[in-house]
Amino acid sequence: MQADPNNGRVKVLLLEDSDFDAELIQEYLRQLQPSPEVVRISSRADFVSALSDGRYDAILSDYSLPGFDGLAALDIATENAPGTPFIFVSGVLGEEIAINSLRNGATDYVLKQRLNRLPAAVSRAIAEAREREERRRAEQQLNLLVAELSHRVKNTLAAVLSIVRRTAKSHDTVADYEQALINRLRALSDAHNLLFEANWRETHLDQVLKRTIYPFRRDGDRSVRIGGPKVKLPPKAALALSLIFHELVTNSMKYGALSKEKGRVSAEWLIDSADETGGQVKLVWTESGGPAVTPPQKVGFGTHLIERSARYELDGEAVLSYPETGFVCELRFAAAPD
């Protein structure tokens, strides 16, 4: 049986009032490799307390307990530990009771007279539960990606319109306007290509920034400034950061500093505590010269995307602040070692 990657061992909660039966059940569970950690309790109060205090990979329960029955335990487990496999281990489980327990949400049942089935039943139940959890996470990620794609399409169209308008203001001839517009849209396309380059070996932070935000600079000025030491990025981190920077720059163009002629954006970073593991990158995105800033009344999808990408894709954090002089986003994440 594959161990839980979080702590190396499967953790099983055993609800059993008989010392003899509990020892016998644990003896059979030791056949699993690695041997699981078993927490044994025998009362309703201890059962509720155990579920509130920890997370278990499986719950084993007798059906008949003094002042407490297995179906009540199943109801409590369903409410307090949803998704955790629940297996009845009993000597009095008739066919009708067994079918009823499965209808009420039990994963399986094993008769005490046939405990040789127990290791396989526990192993199978835990594997199926993990597969369901992985499927659920994949579905959540897919939903986020679909929502993000819709959001990005809207942002991209808004960015294209803004580029068209800004480019038209700064060119006197159709030919100059056409060439400048083509160059900007090509640069914008290059930034988006970062999202689909799945075969990178590595890239660098400054390259991701340049390809993502430089298309939004105005001609002949320094509306966007970046600076910091070389930071290598694995593909997953580069993809996450390109999403974050794209969100930051398009938001700045619509509502922040880049929506004004005198607006400025700086993205500067340093490495804290650099060592053989690479250290921590601290990147600060600072806007100035734009409209007066006020904190948003509600958290939008863009904020959710930035914070979630930083937390789950970069294993870091994003702190957003709204001083009146300009929006600030501070990103912290692990730097890849040299």
Protein backbone atom coordinates (compact mmCIF):
# COMPACT_ATOMS: atom_id res chain seq x y z
CA MET A 1 0.00 0.00 0.00
CA GLN A 2 1.32 3.45 -0.90
CA ALA A 3 2.02 5.64 2.13
CA ASP A 4 0.57 9.06 2.55
CA PRO A 5 3.16 11.48 1.11
CA ASN A 6 2.36 14.04 3.81
CA ASN A 7 3.50 11.95 6.79
CA GLY A 8 4.71 8.64 5.38
CA ARG A 9 2.00 6.51 7.05
CA VAL A 10 -1.68 5.83 6.63
CA LYS A 11 -3.71 6.93 9.66
CA VAL A 12 -6.71 4.82 10.65
CA LEU A 13 -9.34 5.62 13.27
CA LEU A 14 -10.69 2.44 14.92
CA LEU A 15 -13.99 2.59 16.83
CA GLU A 16 -14.10 -0.67 18.80
CA ASP A 17 -15.08 -1.41 22.44
CA SER A 18 -13.61 -4.94 22.62
CA ASP A 19 -9.93 -5.09 23.57
CA PHE A 20 -9.58 -8.56 22.05
CA ASP A 21 -11.22 -7.59 18.74
CA ALA A 22 -9.26 -4.33 18.58
CA GLU A 23 -5.95 -6.17 18.97
CA LEU A 24 -6.95 -8.71 16.33
CA ILE A 25 -7.98 -5.98 13.86
CA GLN A 26 -4.70 -4.13 14.40
CA GLU A 27 -2.78 -7.35 13.85
CA TYR A 28 -4.38 -7.74 10.42
CA LEU A 29 -3.77 -4.06 9.61
CA ARG A 30 -0.05 -4.58 10.23
CA GLN A 31 -0.02 -6.59 7.01
CA LEU A 32 -0.26 -3.30 5.13
CA GLN A 33 3.06 -1.80 4.09
CA PRO A 34 3.99 0.52 5.58
CA SER A 35 2.13 -0.42 8.73
CA PRO A 36 -0.60 2.17 9.40
CA GLU A 37 -0.92 4.33 12.48
CA VAL A 38 -4.05 3.20 14.31
CA VAL A 39 -5.91 5.41 16.78
CA ARG A 40 -8.38 3.35 18.79
CA ILE A 41 -11.37 4.81 20.64
CA SER A 42 -14.50 3.21 22.08
CA SER A 43 -17.07 5.91 22.90
CA ARG A 44 -19.17 8.47 21.07
CA ALA A 45 -17.47 11.41 22.83
CA ASP A 46 -13.99 10.14 21.96
CA PHE A 47 -15.10 9.51 18.37
CA VAL A 48 -16.36 13.07 17.91
CA SER A 49 -13.23 14.46 19.59
CA ALA A 50 -10.90 12.37 17.40
CA LEU A 51 -12.59 13.56 14.20
CA SER A 52 -12.32 17.19 15.26
CA ASP A 53 -8.68 16.90 16.30
CA GLY A 54 -7.19 15.13 13.28
CA ARG A 55 -7.50 13.88 9.73
CA TYR A 56 -7.74 10.16 9.01
CA ASP A 57 -7.28 8.14 5.84
CA ALA A 58 -9.93 5.59 6.88
CA ILE A 59 -12.42 4.92 9.68
CA LEU A 60 -13.16 1.39 10.92
CA SER A 61 -16.17 0.91 13.17
CA ASP A 62 -17.97 -1.88 14.94
CA TYR A 63 -21.69 -1.90 14.29
CA SER A 64 -22.85 -2.59 17.87
CA LEU A 65 -21.38 -0.47 20.65
CA PRO A 66 -22.59 0.16 24.22
CA GLY A 67 -24.96 3.16 24.04
CA PHE A 68 -23.86 3.89 20.50
CA ASP A 69 -24.40 2.22 17.12
CA GLY A 70 -22.54 2.11 13.85
CA LEU A 71 -25.08 4.06 11.80
CA ALA A 72 -24.86 6.95 14.27
CA ALA A 73 -21.08 6.81 13.92
CA LEU A 74 -21.47 6.84 10.13
CA ASP A 75 -23.68 9.95 10.31
CA ILE A 76 -21.12 11.73 12.50
CA ALA A 77 -18.27 10.77 10.17
CA THR A 78 -20.20 11.92 7.10
CA GLU A 79 -20.75 15.32 8.69
CA ASN A 80 -17.30 15.82 10.24
CA ALA A 81 -15.01 13.93 7.84
CA PRO A 82 -16.74 13.88 4.44
CA GLY A 83 -14.97 11.78 1.85
CA THR A 84 -13.13 9.64 4.42
CA PRO A 85 -13.68 5.91 3.76
CA PHE A 86 -15.89 4.32 6.44
CA ILE A 87 -15.74 0.53 6.82
CA PHE A 88 -17.87 -1.50 9.20
CA VAL A 89 -15.99 -4.32 10.95
CA SER A 90 -18.57 -6.35 12.80
CA GLY A 91 -19.59 -9.86 13.76
CA VAL A 92 -23.36 -9.18 13.66
CA LEU A 93 -23.79 -7.52 10.29
CA GLY A 94 -26.58 -9.31 8.42
CA GLU A 95 -27.21 -8.89 4.71
CA GLU A 96 -30.07 -6.40 5.17
CA ILE A 97 -28.08 -4.27 7.62
CA ALA A 98 -25.04 -4.40 5.36
CA ILE A 99 -27.01 -3.19 2.32
CA ASN A 100 -28.63 -0.45 4.39
CA SER A 101 -25.25 0.74 5.68
CA LEU A 102 -23.86 0.95 2.15
CA ARG A 103 -26.89 2.96 1.05
CA ASN A 104 -26.24 5.35 3.93
CA GLY A 105 -22.70 6.04 2.78
CA ALA A 106 -20.50 3.28 4.20
CA THR A 107 -17.63 2.32 1.90
CA ASP A 108 -17.50 -1.38 2.73
CA TYR A 109 -18.06 -3.93 5.47
CA VAL A 110 -15.92 -6.79 6.76
CA LEU A 111 -17.12 -9.55 9.04
CA LYS A 112 -14.95 -10.25 12.07
CA GLN A 113 -15.10 -13.90 11.11
CA ARG A 114 -13.31 -12.99 7.85
CA LEU A 115 -10.71 -10.42 8.91
CA ASN A 116 -8.34 -11.73 6.25
CA ARG A 117 -10.35 -9.43 3.89
CA LEU A 118 -9.60 -6.37 5.98
CA PRO A 119 -6.16 -5.29 4.62
CA ALA A 120 -7.37 -5.42 1.00
CA ALA A 121 -10.62 -3.62 1.84
CA VAL A 122 -8.79 -0.79 3.64
CA SER A 123 -6.16 -0.46 0.91
CA ARG A 124 -8.79 -0.36 -1.84
CA ALA A 125 -11.00 2.14 0.02
CA ILE A 126 -8.12 4.54 0.65
CA ALA A 127 -6.91 4.31 -2.95
CA GLU A 128 -10.40 5.03 -4.28
CA ALA A 129 -10.81 7.97 -1.90
CA ARG A 130 -7.51 9.47 -3.04
CA GLU A 131 -8.52 9.01 -6.65
CA ARG A 132 -11.80 10.84 -5.99
CA GLU A 133 -9.93 13.66 -4.26
CA GLU A 134 -7.48 13.99 -7.16
CA ARG A 135 -10.43 14.07 -9.58
CA ARG A 136 -12.13 16.77 -7.49
CA ARG A 137 -8.97 18.89 -7.47
CA ALA A 138 -8.55 18.42 -11.22
CA GLU A 139 -12.14 19.54 -11.78
CA GLN A 140 -11.59 22.60 -9.58
CA GLN A 141 -8.45 23.47 -11.51
CA LEU A 142 -10.28 22.99 -14.82
CA ASN A 143 -13.07 25.30 -13.67
CA LEU A 144 -10.51 27.90 -12.64
CA LEU A 145 -8.73 27.62 -15.98
CA VAL A 146 -12.00 28.00 -17.92
CA ALA A 147 -12.93 31.05 -15.86
CA GLU A 148 -9.41 32.41 -16.25
CA LEU A 149 -9.52 31.88 -20.02
CA SER A 150 -12.78 33.82 -20.27
CA HIS A 151 -11.33 36.53 -18.06
CA ARG A 152 -8.12 36.70 -20.10
CA VAL A 153 -10.01 36.96 -23.39
CA LYS A 154 -11.93 39.97 -22.06
CA ASN A 155 -8.73 41.52 -20.71
CA THR A 156 -6.92 40.89 -23.98
CA LEU A 157 -9.65 42.55 -26.05
CA ALA A 158 -9.60 45.54 -23.69
CA ALA A 159 -5.81 45.68 -23.96
CA VAL A 160 -5.93 45.54 -27.77
CA LEU A 161 -8.45 48.39 -27.88
CA SER A 162 -6.26 50.44 -25.55
CA ILE A 163 -3.16 49.77 -27.66
CA VAL A 164 -5.03 50.78 -30.82
CA ARG A 165 -6.18 54.07 -29.26
CA ARG A 166 -2.81 54.92 -27.70
CA THR A 167 -0.91 54.12 -30.88
CA ALA A 168 -3.24 56.28 -32.97
CA LYS A 169 -2.57 59.30 -30.74
CA SER A 170 1.19 59.20 -31.24
CA HIS A 171 1.50 58.76 -35.03
CA ASP A 172 0.74 61.20 -37.84
CA THR A 173 0.70 58.89 -40.88
CA VAL A 174 -1.22 55.72 -41.62
CA ALA A 175 1.98 53.86 -42.49
CA ASP A 176 3.69 54.75 -39.20
CA TYR A 177 0.53 53.92 -37.29
CA GLU A 178 0.19 50.56 -39.02
CA GLN A 179 3.77 49.53 -38.32
CA ALA A 180 3.68 50.62 -34.69
CA LEU A 181 0.37 48.84 -34.15
CA ILE A 182 1.64 45.63 -35.75
CA ASN A 183 4.76 45.70 -33.57
CA ARG A 184 2.76 46.16 -30.40
CA LEU A 185 0.27 43.43 -31.23
CA ARG A 186 3.09 41.07 -32.15
CA ALA A 187 4.73 41.76 -28.79
CA LEU A 188 1.43 41.13 -27.07
CA SER A 189 1.16 37.83 -28.91
CA ASP A 190 4.68 36.88 -27.83
CA ALA A 191 3.71 37.47 -24.21
CA HIS A 192 0.72 35.16 -24.58
CA ASN A 193 2.87 32.47 -26.11
CA LEU A 194 4.50 32.01 -22.72
CA LEU A 195 1.29 30.35 -21.58
CA PHE A 196 1.58 27.61 -24.18
CA GLU A 197 5.27 26.83 -24.15
CA ALA A 198 4.99 23.63 -22.15
CA ASN A 199 8.42 22.29 -23.06
CA TRP A 200 10.65 24.88 -21.39
CA ARG A 201 13.58 23.64 -19.43
CA GLU A 202 13.99 26.95 -17.65
CA THR A 203 13.63 30.67 -18.19
CA HIS A 204 14.40 33.79 -16.21
CA LEU A 205 12.26 36.22 -14.30
CA ASP A 206 13.32 39.26 -16.32
CA GLN A 207 12.46 37.44 -19.57
CA VAL A 208 8.97 36.62 -18.33
CA LEU A 209 8.43 40.24 -17.27
CA LYS A 210 9.72 41.68 -20.51
CA ARG A 211 7.65 39.42 -22.74
CA THR A 212 4.53 39.95 -20.65
CA ILE A 213 4.49 43.66 -19.83
CA TYR A 214 6.78 45.43 -22.32
CA PRO A 215 4.11 45.41 -25.05
CA PHE A 216 2.14 47.81 -22.88
CA ARG A 217 4.83 50.51 -22.64
CA ARG A 218 4.16 53.76 -24.41
CA ASP A 219 6.41 54.83 -27.27
CA GLY A 220 9.50 56.81 -26.33
CA ASP A 221 9.04 56.78 -22.56
CA ARG A 222 9.80 54.67 -19.54
CA SER A 223 6.33 53.99 -18.25
CA VAL A 224 7.40 50.48 -17.21
CA ARG A 225 10.67 49.81 -15.38
CA ILE A 226 11.98 46.44 -14.22
CA GLY A 227 15.13 45.51 -12.33
CA GLY A 228 16.70 42.85 -10.16
CA PRO A 229 19.21 39.99 -10.06
CA LYS A 230 19.05 36.94 -12.29
CA VAL A 231 16.38 34.51 -11.09
CA LYS A 232 15.89 31.15 -12.81
CA LEU A 233 12.32 29.87 -13.13
CA PRO A 234 11.05 26.35 -13.79
CA PRO A 235 8.22 26.13 -16.37
CA LYS A 236 5.44 25.94 -13.77
CA ALA A 237 6.64 29.10 -12.01
CA ALA A 238 7.16 30.95 -15.30
CA LEU A 239 3.62 30.14 -16.38
CA ALA A 240 2.15 31.25 -13.05
CA LEU A 241 4.11 34.51 -13.07
CA SER A 242 3.12 35.31 -16.65
CA LEU A 243 -0.52 34.98 -15.56
CA ILE A 244 0.07 37.23 -12.56
CA PHE A 245 1.98 39.91 -14.51
CA HIS A 246 -0.57 39.89 -17.31
CA GLU A 247 -3.32 40.45 -14.77
CA LEU A 248 -1.38 43.26 -13.09
CA VAL A 249 -0.52 45.10 -16.29
CA THR A 250 -3.98 44.85 -17.89
CA ASN A 251 -5.56 46.02 -14.65
CA SER A 252 -3.10 48.92 -14.56
CA MET A 253 -4.05 49.87 -18.12
CA LYS A 254 -7.76 49.83 -17.34
CA TYR A 255 -7.84 51.34 -13.86
CA GLY A 256 -4.34 52.12 -12.61
CA ALA A 257 -1.18 54.02 -13.44
CA LEU A 258 -0.95 53.01 -17.11
CA SER A 259 -4.41 54.44 -17.76
CA LYS A 260 -2.80 57.93 -17.43
CA GLU A 261 -0.15 59.54 -19.62
CA LYS A 262 2.13 60.27 -16.64
CA GLY A 263 1.56 56.95 -14.94
CA ARG A 264 4.50 54.72 -14.10
CA VAL A 265 4.97 51.09 -13.08
CA SER A 266 8.06 49.53 -11.55
CA ALA A 267 8.68 45.85 -10.93
CA GLU A 268 11.81 45.38 -8.83
CA TRP A 269 13.01 42.33 -6.98
CA LEU A 270 15.76 40.99 -4.75
CA ILE A 271 16.70 37.62 -3.26
CA ASP A 272 16.48 37.18 0.51
CA SER A 273 18.72 34.66 2.27
CA ALA A 274 20.23 33.12 -0.86
CA ASP A 275 21.72 29.67 -0.21
CA GLU A 276 22.02 26.28 -1.90
CA THR A 277 18.22 26.07 -2.06
CA GLY A 278 17.99 29.35 -3.97
CA GLY A 279 16.50 31.59 -1.28
CA GLN A 280 13.33 33.67 -1.43
CA VAL A 281 12.47 36.16 -4.16
CA LYS A 282 10.76 39.34 -3.05
CA LEU A 283 9.24 41.24 -6.00
CA VAL A 284 7.39 44.52 -5.55
CA TRP A 285 5.07 45.86 -8.26
CA THR A 286 4.52 49.58 -7.61
CA GLU A 287 2.28 51.98 -9.52
CA SER A 288 2.48 55.78 -9.38
CA GLY A 289 1.19 58.78 -11.26
CA GLY A 290 -2.20 57.26 -11.93
CA PRO A 291 -5.67 57.90 -10.52
CA ALA A 292 -6.12 58.09 -6.76
CA VAL A 293 -6.47 54.57 -5.38
CA THR A 294 -9.14 53.26 -3.06
CA PRO A 295 -9.43 49.67 -1.79
CA PRO A 296 -11.97 47.60 -3.76
CA GLN A 297 -15.33 46.93 -2.17
CA LYS A 298 -15.20 43.25 -3.12
CA VAL A 299 -12.57 40.76 -4.20
CA GLY A 300 -12.72 40.20 -7.95
CA PHE A 301 -11.57 37.28 -10.06
CA GLY A 302 -8.28 39.01 -10.88
CA THR A 303 -7.34 39.27 -7.20
CA HIS A 304 -8.38 35.65 -6.69
CA LEU A 305 -6.22 34.58 -9.63
CA ILE A 306 -3.14 36.45 -8.36
CA GLU A 307 -3.42 35.16 -4.80
CA ARG A 308 -4.25 31.58 -5.82
CA SER A 309 -1.45 31.41 -8.40
CA ALA A 310 1.07 32.70 -5.84
CA ARG A 311 -0.09 30.29 -3.16
CA TYR A 312 -0.61 27.08 -5.11
CA GLU A 313 1.61 27.42 -8.17
CA LEU A 314 4.56 29.31 -6.64
CA ASP A 315 4.20 28.00 -3.08
CA GLY A 316 4.49 31.64 -2.03
CA GLU A 317 2.22 34.56 -1.30
CA ALA A 318 0.90 37.76 -2.84
CA VAL A 319 0.12 40.77 -0.65
CA LEU A 320 -1.99 43.49 -2.33
CA SER A 321 -2.19 46.98 -0.85
CA TYR A 322 -3.94 50.14 -1.95
CA PRO A 323 -2.17 53.33 -0.83
CA GLU A 324 -3.73 56.44 -2.36
CA THR A 325 -0.57 57.15 -4.38
CA GLY A 326 -0.74 53.87 -6.30
CA PHE A 327 -1.49 50.16 -6.15
CA VAL A 328 1.24 47.85 -4.77
CA CYS A 329 1.58 44.08 -5.10
CA GLU A 330 4.33 42.25 -3.20
CA LEU A 331 5.15 38.72 -4.36
CA ARG A 332 7.26 36.25 -2.38
CA PHE A 333 8.25 32.84 -3.75
CA ALA A 334 11.15 30.40 -3.72
CA ALA A 335 14.04 31.01 -6.10
CA ALA A 336 15.44 28.06 -8.02
CA PRO A 337 19.03 27.19 -7.00
CA ASP A 338 21.85 27.97 -9.42
